[in-house]
C-alpha atoms as a PDB file:
ATOM      1  CA  MET A   1     -22.111  15.975  11.066  1.00  0.00           C
ATOM      2  CA  LEU A   2     -23.647  12.658  11.949  1.00  0.00           C
ATOM      3  CA  ASP A   3     -26.978  12.894  13.802  1.00  0.00           C
ATOM      4  CA  THR A   4     -26.048  10.028  16.013  1.00  0.00           C
ATOM      5  CA  PHE A   5     -22.851  12.046  17.170  1.00  0.00           C
ATOM      6  CA  VAL A   6     -24.966  15.231  17.652  1.00  0.00           C
ATOM      7  CA  ILE A   7     -27.633  13.474  19.647  1.00  0.00           C
ATOM      8  CA  GLU A   8     -25.153  11.902  22.091  1.00  0.00           C
ATOM      9  CA  LYS A   9     -23.476  15.013  22.529  1.00  0.00           C
ATOM     10  CA  LEU A  10     -26.698  17.008  23.421  1.00  0.00           C
ATOM     11  CA  LEU A  11     -27.930  14.230  25.601  1.00  0.00           C
ATOM     12  CA  SER A  12     -24.956  14.735  27.597  1.00  0.00           C
ATOM     13  CA  PHE A  13     -25.625  18.381  27.956  1.00  0.00           C
ATOM     14  CA  LEU A  14     -29.235  17.617  28.924  1.00  0.00           C
ATOM     15  CA  LYS A  15     -28.017  15.071  31.541  1.00  0.00           C
ATOM     16  CA  GLU A  16     -25.770  17.639  33.153  1.00  0.00           C
ATOM     17  CA  ASP A  17     -28.786  19.973  33.391  1.00  0.00           C
ATOM     18  CA  ALA A  18     -31.656  17.671  34.120  1.00  0.00           C
ATOM     19  CA  TYR A  19     -30.501  14.500  35.755  1.00  0.00           C
ATOM     20  CA  PRO A  20     -32.120  12.669  37.449  1.00  0.00           C
ATOM     21  CA  GLU A  21     -35.119  14.819  36.787  1.00  0.00           C
ATOM     22  CA  ASP A  22     -36.438  18.414  36.355  1.00  0.00           C
ATOM     23  CA  VAL A  23     -38.055  18.789  39.739  1.00  0.00           C
ATOM     24  CA  THR A  24     -40.117  21.811  38.509  1.00  0.00           C
ATOM     25  CA  GLY A  25     -40.869  20.858  34.931  1.00  0.00           C
ATOM     26  CA  ARG A  26     -42.298  17.464  35.998  1.00  0.00           C
ATOM     27  CA  PHE A  27     -45.510  19.142  36.864  1.00  0.00           C
ATOM     28  CA  ALA A  28     -46.141  19.845  33.143  1.00  0.00           C
ATOM     29  CA  SER A  29     -46.014  16.140  32.241  1.00  0.00           C
ATOM     30  CA  GLY A  30     -49.021  15.352  30.047  1.00  0.00           C
ATOM     31  CA  ILE A  31     -49.686  19.151  29.041  1.00  0.00           C
ATOM     32  CA  LYS A  32     -49.091  19.537  25.354  1.00  0.00           C
ATOM     33  CA  ALA A  33     -46.841  22.639  24.833  1.00  0.00           C
ATOM     34  CA  PHE A  34     -45.645  24.789  22.069  1.00  0.00           C
ATOM     35  CA  ALA A  35     -42.388  26.483  21.943  1.00  0.00           C
ATOM     36  CA  GLU A  36     -40.663  29.341  20.020  1.00  0.00           C
ATOM     37  CA  VAL A  37     -36.946  30.342  19.993  1.00  0.00           C
ATOM     38  CA  LYS A  38     -37.123  34.194  19.574  1.00  0.00           C
ATOM     39  CA  VAL A  39     -34.149  36.308  18.427  1.00  0.00           C
ATOM     40  CA  LYS A  40     -33.519  39.298  20.633  1.00  0.00           C
ATOM     41  CA  ASP A  41     -30.502  40.445  18.694  1.00  0.00           C
ATOM     42  CA  SER A  42     -29.152  40.888  15.199  1.00  0.00           C
ATOM     43  CA  GLY A  43     -26.793  38.275  13.684  1.00  0.00           C
ATOM     44  CA  VAL A  44     -26.204  35.011  11.759  1.00  0.00           C
ATOM     45  CA  LEU A  45     -28.313  32.214  12.963  1.00  0.00           C
ATOM     46  CA  CYS A  46     -26.476  28.888  13.691  1.00  0.00           C
ATOM     47  CA  GLY A  47     -27.149  25.688  15.574  1.00  0.00           C
ATOM     48  CA  VAL A  48     -30.751  24.793  14.285  1.00  0.00           C
ATOM     49  CA  LYS A  49     -29.363  22.071  12.217  1.00  0.00           C
ATOM     50  CA  ILE A  50     -27.733  20.569  15.199  1.00  0.00           C
ATOM     51  CA  ILE A  51     -30.657  21.115  17.591  1.00  0.00           C
ATOM     52  CA  VAL A  52     -33.382  19.575  15.261  1.00  0.00           C
ATOM     53  CA  PRO A  53     -32.196  15.904  15.314  1.00  0.00           C
ATOM     54  CA  PHE A  54     -32.043  15.991  19.166  1.00  0.00           C
ATOM     55  CA  LEU A  55     -35.457  17.492  19.423  1.00  0.00           C
ATOM     56  CA  LYS A  56     -36.857  14.659  17.215  1.00  0.00           C
ATOM     57  CA  TYR A  57     -35.114  12.042  19.357  1.00  0.00           C
ATOM     58  CA  MET A  58     -36.697  13.554  22.445  1.00  0.00           C
ATOM     59  CA  GLY A  59     -40.206  12.948  20.778  1.00  0.00           C
ATOM     60  CA  LEU A  60     -40.806  16.717  19.886  1.00  0.00           C
ATOM     61  CA  GLU A  61     -42.218  17.836  16.723  1.00  0.00           C
ATOM     62  CA  ILE A  62     -40.691  20.588  14.586  1.00  0.00           C
ATOM     63  CA  LYS A  63     -43.158  23.072  13.463  1.00  0.00           C
ATOM     64  CA  GLY A  64     -40.980  25.506  11.755  1.00  0.00           C
ATOM     65  CA  MET A  65     -37.275  26.418  11.512  1.00  0.00           C
ATOM     66  CA  SER A  66     -34.911  28.971   9.831  1.00  0.00           C
ATOM     67  CA  LYS A  67     -31.736  27.733   8.174  1.00  0.00           C
ATOM     68  CA  ASP A  68     -28.267  28.132   9.729  1.00  0.00           C
ATOM     69  CA  GLY A  69     -26.645  30.940   7.827  1.00  0.00           C
ATOM     70  CA  THR A  70     -29.767  33.051   8.002  1.00  0.00           C
ATOM     71  CA  ARG A  71     -29.311  36.709   8.937  1.00  0.00           C
ATOM     72  CA  VAL A  72     -31.812  37.421  11.859  1.00  0.00           C
ATOM     73  CA  ASN A  73     -32.918  40.512  13.720  1.00  0.00           C
ATOM     74  CA  LYS A  74     -34.785  41.099  16.975  1.00  0.00           C
ATOM     75  CA  GLY A  75     -38.214  39.611  17.026  1.00  0.00           C
ATOM     76  CA  ASP A  76     -37.478  36.975  14.498  1.00  0.00           C
ATOM     77  CA  VAL A  77     -38.411  33.352  15.313  1.00  0.00           C
ATOM     78  CA  ALA A  78     -35.760  30.866  14.602  1.00  0.00           C
ATOM     79  CA  LEU A  79     -37.391  27.564  15.712  1.00  0.00           C
ATOM     80  CA  ARG A  80     -40.860  26.178  16.631  1.00  0.00           C
ATOM     81  CA  PHE A  81     -41.518  22.907  18.171  1.00  0.00           C
ATOM     82  CA  GLU A  82     -44.101  21.192  20.209  1.00  0.00           C
ATOM     83  CA  GLY A  83     -44.683  18.062  22.511  1.00  0.00           C
ATOM     84  CA  ASP A  84     -45.166  17.114  26.129  1.00  0.00           C
ATOM     85  CA  GLY A  85     -44.636  20.035  28.417  1.00  0.00           C
ATOM     86  CA  GLU A  86     -42.145  18.316  30.634  1.00  0.00           C
ATOM     87  CA  THR A  87     -39.779  17.590  27.890  1.00  0.00           C
ATOM     88  CA  VAL A  88     -40.272  20.882  26.299  1.00  0.00           C
ATOM     89  CA  LEU A  89     -39.196  22.741  29.644  1.00  0.00           C
ATOM     90  CA  ALA A  90     -36.200  20.176  30.137  1.00  0.00           C
ATOM     91  CA  VAL A  91     -34.707  20.915  26.941  1.00  0.00           C
ATOM     92  CA  GLU A  92     -35.082  24.694  26.972  1.00  0.00           C
ATOM     93  CA  ARG A  93     -31.520  25.465  28.280  1.00  0.00           C
ATOM     94  CA  THR A  94     -29.840  23.091  26.041  1.00  0.00           C
ATOM     95  CA  VAL A  95     -31.470  24.360  23.096  1.00  0.00           C
ATOM     96  CA  LEU A  96     -30.714  28.072  23.963  1.00  0.00           C
ATOM     97  CA  ASN A  97     -27.079  27.518  24.933  1.00  0.00           C
ATOM     98  CA  VAL A  98     -26.205  25.703  21.719  1.00  0.00           C
ATOM     99  CA  ILE A  99     -28.048  28.059  19.406  1.00  0.00           C
ATOM    100  CA  SER A 100     -26.892  31.418  21.165  1.00  0.00           C
ATOM    101  CA  LYS A 101     -23.296  30.522  21.407  1.00  0.00           C
ATOM    102  CA  LEU A 102     -23.077  29.075  17.893  1.00  0.00           C
ATOM    103  CA  SER A 103     -24.945  32.052  16.457  1.00  0.00           C
ATOM    104  CA  GLY A 104     -22.531  34.388  18.206  1.00  0.00           C
ATOM    105  CA  ILE A 105     -19.590  32.734  16.614  1.00  0.00           C
ATOM    106  CA  SER A 106     -21.190  32.759  13.093  1.00  0.00           C
ATOM    107  CA  THR A 107     -22.079  36.316  13.625  1.00  0.00           C
ATOM    108  CA  VAL A 108     -18.494  37.436  14.533  1.00  0.00           C
ATOM    109  CA  THR A 109     -16.863  35.280  11.833  1.00  0.00           C
ATOM    110  CA  MET A 110     -19.184  36.861   9.256  1.00  0.00           C
ATOM    111  CA  GLU A 111     -18.362  40.343  10.517  1.00  0.00           C
ATOM    112  CA  MET A 112     -14.587  39.645  10.214  1.00  0.00           C
ATOM    113  CA  VAL A 113     -15.032  37.972   6.805  1.00  0.00           C
ATOM    114  CA  GLU A 114     -16.891  41.029   5.339  1.00  0.00           C
ATOM    115  CA  LYS A 115     -14.362  43.526   6.872  1.00  0.00           C
ATOM    116  CA  ALA A 116     -11.237  41.591   5.713  1.00  0.00           C
ATOM    117  CA  LYS A 117     -12.640  40.936   2.157  1.00  0.00           C
ATOM    118  CA  GLY A 118     -13.566  44.446   1.845  1.00  0.00           C
ATOM    119  CA  VAL A 119      -9.771  45.310   1.638  1.00  0.00           C
ATOM    120  CA  ASN A 120      -8.519  41.931   0.386  1.00  0.00           C
ATOM    121  CA  PRO A 121     -11.225  39.989  -1.546  1.00  0.00           C
ATOM    122  CA  LYS A 122      -8.971  36.683  -1.560  1.00  0.00           C
ATOM    123  CA  VAL A 123      -8.097  36.493   2.052  1.00  0.00           C
ATOM    124  CA  LYS A 124      -9.551  33.794   4.314  1.00  0.00           C
ATOM    125  CA  ILE A 125     -10.695  34.190   7.851  1.00  0.00           C
ATOM    126  CA  ALA A 126     -10.052  30.973   9.780  1.00  0.00           C
ATOM    127  CA  GLY A 127     -10.596  29.750  13.349  1.00  0.00           C
ATOM    128  CA  THR A 128      -7.889  28.143  15.687  1.00  0.00           C
ATOM    129  CA  ARG A 129      -8.007  25.503  18.366  1.00  0.00           C
ATOM    130  CA  LYS A 130      -8.969  28.059  20.993  1.00  0.00           C
ATOM    131  CA  THR A 131     -12.326  26.272  21.342  1.00  0.00           C
ATOM    132  CA  THR A 132     -14.766  25.366  24.209  1.00  0.00           C
ATOM    133  CA  PRO A 133     -13.648  21.775  25.498  1.00  0.00           C
ATOM    134  CA  GLY A 134     -16.379  19.454  24.190  1.00  0.00           C
ATOM    135  CA  LEU A 135     -17.821  21.816  21.565  1.00  0.00           C
ATOM    136  CA  ARG A 136     -14.968  21.940  18.959  1.00  0.00           C
ATOM    137  CA  ASP A 137     -16.840  20.332  16.170  1.00  0.00           C
ATOM    138  CA  PHE A 138     -19.950  22.459  16.863  1.00  0.00           C
ATOM    139  CA  GLU A 139     -17.750  25.697  17.117  1.00  0.00           C
ATOM    140  CA  LYS A 140     -15.815  24.837  13.877  1.00  0.00           C
ATOM    141  CA  TYR A 141     -19.166  24.274  12.067  1.00  0.00           C
ATOM    142  CA  ALA A 142     -20.357  27.764  13.327  1.00  0.00           C
ATOM    143  CA  ILE A 143     -17.175  29.235  11.813  1.00  0.00           C
ATOM    144  CA  GLU A 144     -18.003  27.762   8.321  1.00  0.00           C
ATOM    145  CA  VAL A 145     -21.595  28.889   8.603  1.00  0.00           C
ATOM    146  CA  GLY A 146     -20.190  32.512   9.018  1.00  0.00           C
ATOM    147  CA  GLY A 147     -18.168  32.232   5.954  1.00  0.00           C
ATOM    148  CA  GLY A 148     -14.850  31.263   7.586  1.00  0.00           C
ATOM    149  CA  ASP A 149     -12.458  28.483   7.408  1.00  0.00           C
ATOM    150  CA  PRO A 150     -12.157  25.909  10.192  1.00  0.00           C
ATOM    151  CA  HIS A 151      -8.574  25.542  10.011  1.00  0.00           C
ATOM    152  CA  ARG A 152      -7.275  22.551  11.913  1.00  0.00           C
ATOM    153  CA  LEU A 153      -9.802  20.324  13.689  1.00  0.00           C
ATOM    154  CA  GLY A 154      -7.068  18.905  15.958  1.00  0.00           C
ATOM    155  CA  LEU A 155      -3.552  17.906  16.313  1.00  0.00           C
ATOM    156  CA  PHE A 156      -4.253  14.820  14.104  1.00  0.00           C
ATOM    157  CA  ASP A 157      -5.161  16.316  10.745  1.00  0.00           C
ATOM    158  CA  SER A 158      -2.336  18.576   9.522  1.00  0.00           C
ATOM    159  CA  VAL A 159       1.393  19.488  10.620  1.00  0.00           C
ATOM    160  CA  LEU A 160       1.799  22.830  12.367  1.00  0.00           C
ATOM    161  CA  ILE A 161       5.104  23.432  13.879  1.00  0.00           C
ATOM    162  CA  LYS A 162       4.988  25.925  16.741  1.00  0.00           C
ATOM    163  CA  ASP A 163       7.619  27.828  18.709  1.00  0.00           C
ATOM    164  CA  ASN A 164       7.557  24.928  21.386  1.00  0.00           C
ATOM    165  CA  HIS A 165       8.226  22.316  18.817  1.00  0.00           C
ATOM    166  CA  ILE A 166      11.011  24.559  17.492  1.00  0.00           C
ATOM    167  CA  ASN A 167      12.435  24.840  20.907  1.00  0.00           C
ATOM    168  CA  LEU A 168      12.573  21.210  21.306  1.00  0.00           C
ATOM    169  CA  LEU A 169      13.753  20.265  17.841  1.00  0.00           C
ATOM    170  CA  GLY A 170      16.418  22.791  17.391  1.00  0.00           C
ATOM    171  CA  GLY A 171      15.706  25.974  15.279  1.00  0.00           C
ATOM    172  CA  VAL A 172      13.421  26.689  12.287  1.00  0.00           C
ATOM    173  CA  ALA A 173      15.794  24.998   9.516  1.00  0.00           C
ATOM    174  CA  GLU A 174      16.555  21.757  11.598  1.00  0.00           C
ATOM    175  CA  THR A 175      12.936  21.438  12.723  1.00  0.00           C
ATOM    176  CA  LEU A 176      11.624  21.717   9.154  1.00  0.00           C
ATOM    177  CA  ARG A 177      14.187  19.071   7.762  1.00  0.00           C
ATOM    178  CA  LYS A 178      13.364  16.548  10.594  1.00  0.00           C
ATOM    179  CA  VAL A 179       9.604  16.992  10.137  1.00  0.00           C
ATOM    180  CA  LYS A 180       9.851  16.862   6.282  1.00  0.00           C
ATOM    181  CA  SER A 181      11.742  13.658   6.353  1.00  0.00           C
ATOM    182  CA  MET A 182       9.122  11.723   8.380  1.00  0.00           C
ATOM    183  CA  THR A 183       5.794  13.311   7.134  1.00  0.00           C
ATOM    184  CA  SER A 184       3.658  11.808   4.403  1.00  0.00           C
ATOM    185  CA  PHE A 185       3.455  13.818   1.079  1.00  0.00           C
ATOM    186  CA  THR A 186      -0.351  14.021   1.621  1.00  0.00           C
ATOM    187  CA  LYS A 187       0.032  16.520   4.508  1.00  0.00           C
ATOM    188  CA  LYS A 188       1.037  20.185   3.978  1.00  0.00           C
ATOM    189  CA  ILE A 189       3.634  21.481   6.516  1.00  0.00           C
ATOM    190  CA  GLU A 190       3.021  24.824   8.258  1.00  0.00           C
ATOM    191  CA  ILE A 191       5.555  26.486  10.553  1.00  0.00           C
ATOM    192  CA  GLU A 192       5.033  29.342  13.101  1.00  0.00           C
ATOM    193  CA  VAL A 193       7.719  32.121  13.055  1.00  0.00           C
ATOM    194  CA  SER A 194       8.121  35.499  14.863  1.00  0.00           C
ATOM    195  CA  SER A 195      10.547  37.346  12.702  1.00  0.00           C
ATOM    196  CA  ILE A 196      11.140  38.317   9.004  1.00  0.00           C
ATOM    197  CA  GLU A 197      14.352  36.265   9.128  1.00  0.00           C
ATOM    198  CA  ASP A 198      12.834  33.081  10.238  1.00  0.00           C
ATOM    199  CA  ALA A 199      10.156  33.594   7.658  1.00  0.00           C
ATOM    200  CA  LEU A 200      12.758  33.558   4.958  1.00  0.00           C
ATOM    201  CA  VAL A 201      14.493  30.447   6.424  1.00  0.00           C
ATOM    202  CA  ALA A 202      11.204  28.605   6.524  1.00  0.00           C
ATOM    203  CA  TYR A 203      10.564  29.391   2.852  1.00  0.00           C
ATOM    204  CA  LYS A 204      14.029  28.231   1.843  1.00  0.00           C
ATOM    205  CA  GLU A 205      13.524  24.942   3.727  1.00  0.00           C
ATOM    206  CA  GLY A 206      10.308  24.221   1.709  1.00  0.00           C
ATOM    207  CA  ALA A 207       7.432  24.895   4.195  1.00  0.00           C
ATOM    208  CA  ASP A 208       4.053  24.854   2.574  1.00  0.00           C
ATOM    209  CA  ALA A 209       2.683  27.480   4.661  1.00  0.00           C
ATOM    210  CA  ILE A 210       4.160  30.056   7.087  1.00  0.00           C
ATOM    211  CA  LEU A 211       2.224  31.393  10.140  1.00  0.00           C
ATOM    212  CA  LEU A 212       3.289  34.833  11.013  1.00  0.00           C
ATOM    213  CA  ASP A 213       2.678  34.895  14.678  1.00  0.00           C
ATOM    214  CA  ASN A 214       1.896  38.118  16.953  1.00  0.00           C
ATOM    215  CA  MET A 215       3.640  40.338  14.288  1.00  0.00           C
ATOM    216  CA  LEU A 216       2.503  43.961  13.570  1.00  0.00           C
ATOM    217  CA  PRO A 217       0.765  44.625  10.285  1.00  0.00           C
ATOM    218  CA  SER A 218       3.870  46.482   9.077  1.00  0.00           C
ATOM    219  CA  GLN A 219       6.118  43.309   9.649  1.00  0.00           C
ATOM    220  CA  VAL A 220       3.407  41.124   8.075  1.00  0.00           C
ATOM    221  CA  LYS A 221       3.388  43.454   4.952  1.00  0.00           C
ATOM    222  CA  GLU A 222       7.184  43.265   4.601  1.00  0.00           C
ATOM    223  CA  ILE A 223       7.062  39.474   4.671  1.00  0.00           C
ATOM    224  CA  VAL A 224       4.121  39.398   2.229  1.00  0.00           C
ATOM    225  CA  ASP A 225       6.095  41.760  -0.152  1.00  0.00           C
ATOM    226  CA  LYS A 226       8.901  39.325  -0.272  1.00  0.00           C
ATOM    227  CA  LEU A 227       7.067  35.921  -0.292  1.00  0.00           C
ATOM    228  CA  LYS A 228       3.628  36.520  -1.754  1.00  0.00           C
ATOM    229  CA  GLY A 229       2.633  33.788  -4.201  1.00  0.00           C
ATOM    230  CA  LYS A 230       5.557  31.509  -3.295  1.00  0.00           C
ATOM    231  CA  VAL A 231       4.226  30.079  -0.110  1.00  0.00           C
ATOM    232  CA  ILE A 232       0.872  30.361   1.928  1.00  0.00           C
ATOM    233  CA  LEU A 233       1.276  33.220   4.323  1.00  0.00           C
ATOM    234  CA  GLU A 234      -1.084  33.225   7.545  1.00  0.00           C
ATOM    235  CA  ALA A 235      -1.125  35.922  10.115  1.00  0.00           C
ATOM    236  CA  SER A 236      -2.317  35.147  13.640  1.00  0.00           C
ATOM    237  CA  GLY A 237      -2.181  36.540  17.103  1.00  0.00           C
ATOM    238  CA  ASN A 238      -4.541  39.065  18.847  1.00  0.00           C
ATOM    239  CA  ILE A 239      -6.438  39.678  15.698  1.00  0.00           C
ATOM    240  CA  ASN A 240     -10.013  40.607  16.157  1.00  0.00           C
ATOM    241  CA  PRO A 241     -12.805  42.544  14.413  1.00  0.00           C
ATOM    242  CA  TRP A 242     -11.363  45.945  15.251  1.00  0.00           C
ATOM    243  CA  ASN A 243      -8.067  45.436  13.617  1.00  0.00           C
ATOM    244  CA  VAL A 244      -8.692  42.605  11.014  1.00  0.00           C
ATOM    245  CA  GLU A 245      -8.855  45.109   8.148  1.00  0.00           C
ATOM    246  CA  GLU A 246      -5.431  46.216   8.861  1.00  0.00           C
ATOM    247  CA  TYR A 247      -4.025  42.846   8.701  1.00  0.00           C
ATOM    248  CA  ALA A 248      -6.093  42.012   5.552  1.00  0.00           C
ATOM    249  CA  SER A 249      -4.735  45.103   3.749  1.00  0.00           C
ATOM    250  CA  THR A 250      -1.191  43.574   4.021  1.00  0.00           C
ATOM    251  CA  GLY A 251      -2.178  41.105   1.264  1.00  0.00           C
ATOM    252  CA  VAL A 252      -1.722  38.045   3.671  1.00  0.00           C
ATOM    253  CA  ASP A 253      -3.393  34.847   2.287  1.00  0.00           C
ATOM    254  CA  VAL A 254      -5.002  33.808   5.779  1.00  0.00           C
ATOM    255  CA  ILE A 255      -5.860  35.484   8.969  1.00  0.00           C
ATOM    256  CA  SER A 256      -6.712  33.146  11.938  1.00  0.00           C
ATOM    257  CA  SER A 257      -8.239  34.411  14.994  1.00  0.00           C
ATOM    258  CA  GLY A 258      -8.957  32.720  18.243  1.00  0.00           C
ATOM    259  CA  PHE A 259     -11.239  35.737  19.198  1.00  0.00           C
ATOM    260  CA  ILE A 260     -13.896  34.127  16.934  1.00  0.00           C
ATOM    261  CA  THR A 261     -14.346  31.192  19.473  1.00  0.00           C
ATOM    262  CA  HIS A 262     -12.983  32.281  22.778  1.00  0.00           C
ATOM    263  CA  SER A 263     -14.335  35.939  22.961  1.00  0.00           C
ATOM    264  CA  SER A 264     -17.353  36.149  20.670  1.00  0.00           C
ATOM    265  CA  ARG A 265     -20.620  37.096  22.571  1.00  0.00           C
ATOM    266  CA  ALA A 266     -23.541  34.736  22.387  1.00  0.00           C
ATOM    267  CA  LEU A 267     -26.334  35.982  20.507  1.00  0.00           C
ATOM    268  CA  ASP A 268     -29.251  36.770  22.828  1.00  0.00           C
ATOM    269  CA  MET A 269     -32.242  34.570  22.436  1.00  0.00           C
ATOM    270  CA  SER A 270     -35.318  33.373  24.579  1.00  0.00           C
ATOM    271  CA  LEU A 271     -37.553  30.398  24.244  1.00  0.00           C
ATOM    272  CA  ASP A 272     -41.301  31.005  25.131  1.00  0.00           C
ATOM    273  CA  VAL A 273     -43.789  28.229  25.918  1.00  0.00           C
ATOM    274  CA  PHE A 274     -47.462  28.088  25.613  1.00  0.00           C
ATOM    275  CA  ARG A 275     -50.153  25.484  25.695  1.00  0.00           C
ATOM    276  CA  SER A 276     -50.969  24.004  22.436  1.00  0.00           C
END
């Protein structure tokens, strides 16, 4: 992830919080301050790599940091930095919001990866496009830090035919034929189905991957038994840390979950500031 992109994004967050000025923090201008980001929970750290270039751009000096992907516990210090007191106070919420949120995503991702691989070592846990507006790149990065697969970054990077496409284009078979006839050989084509019959049609029509949408594990298992090794099979829809093992045990290749980004809990953290 380019530092210039990261800095511009975080500056927009800071502007939202502190423009035109921090009317309280301005009284700390000229006082040298030391700050520590402390963990108040257990999980997987993420976001330090994103925050550090921003802090340096703001004229703050990094005094210590843990790497993204580190397992942390209550009381651990994730990041230390120092500089002008007004600046330190102004960036506090931006720093905590980013690291807390991304660490929460990485934590849930790793939990689901470990549970799923415990019963199906080859399965991949993937994210979805159910991300926070403006934060998709960061959240996809957090999924990777947690050991997951980011899946599509957007509508531009792979072909995924969903139910609404099928409704407009005319059935699974007809839709696949139309899409295949106009899609570059460099792109895989995945199609969403909601029945065993449509999954078999999709395979016969040459789909590269089939997304089994909102199916029960028993239905997923039936399709896996018929098509395993012939086409990539992905299960999706209402999959979370409490049922991921059941879906993984079907032998499916990929499990995608919107829960990772839209329902994960931010890791609890605080930022303590002292005079240097």
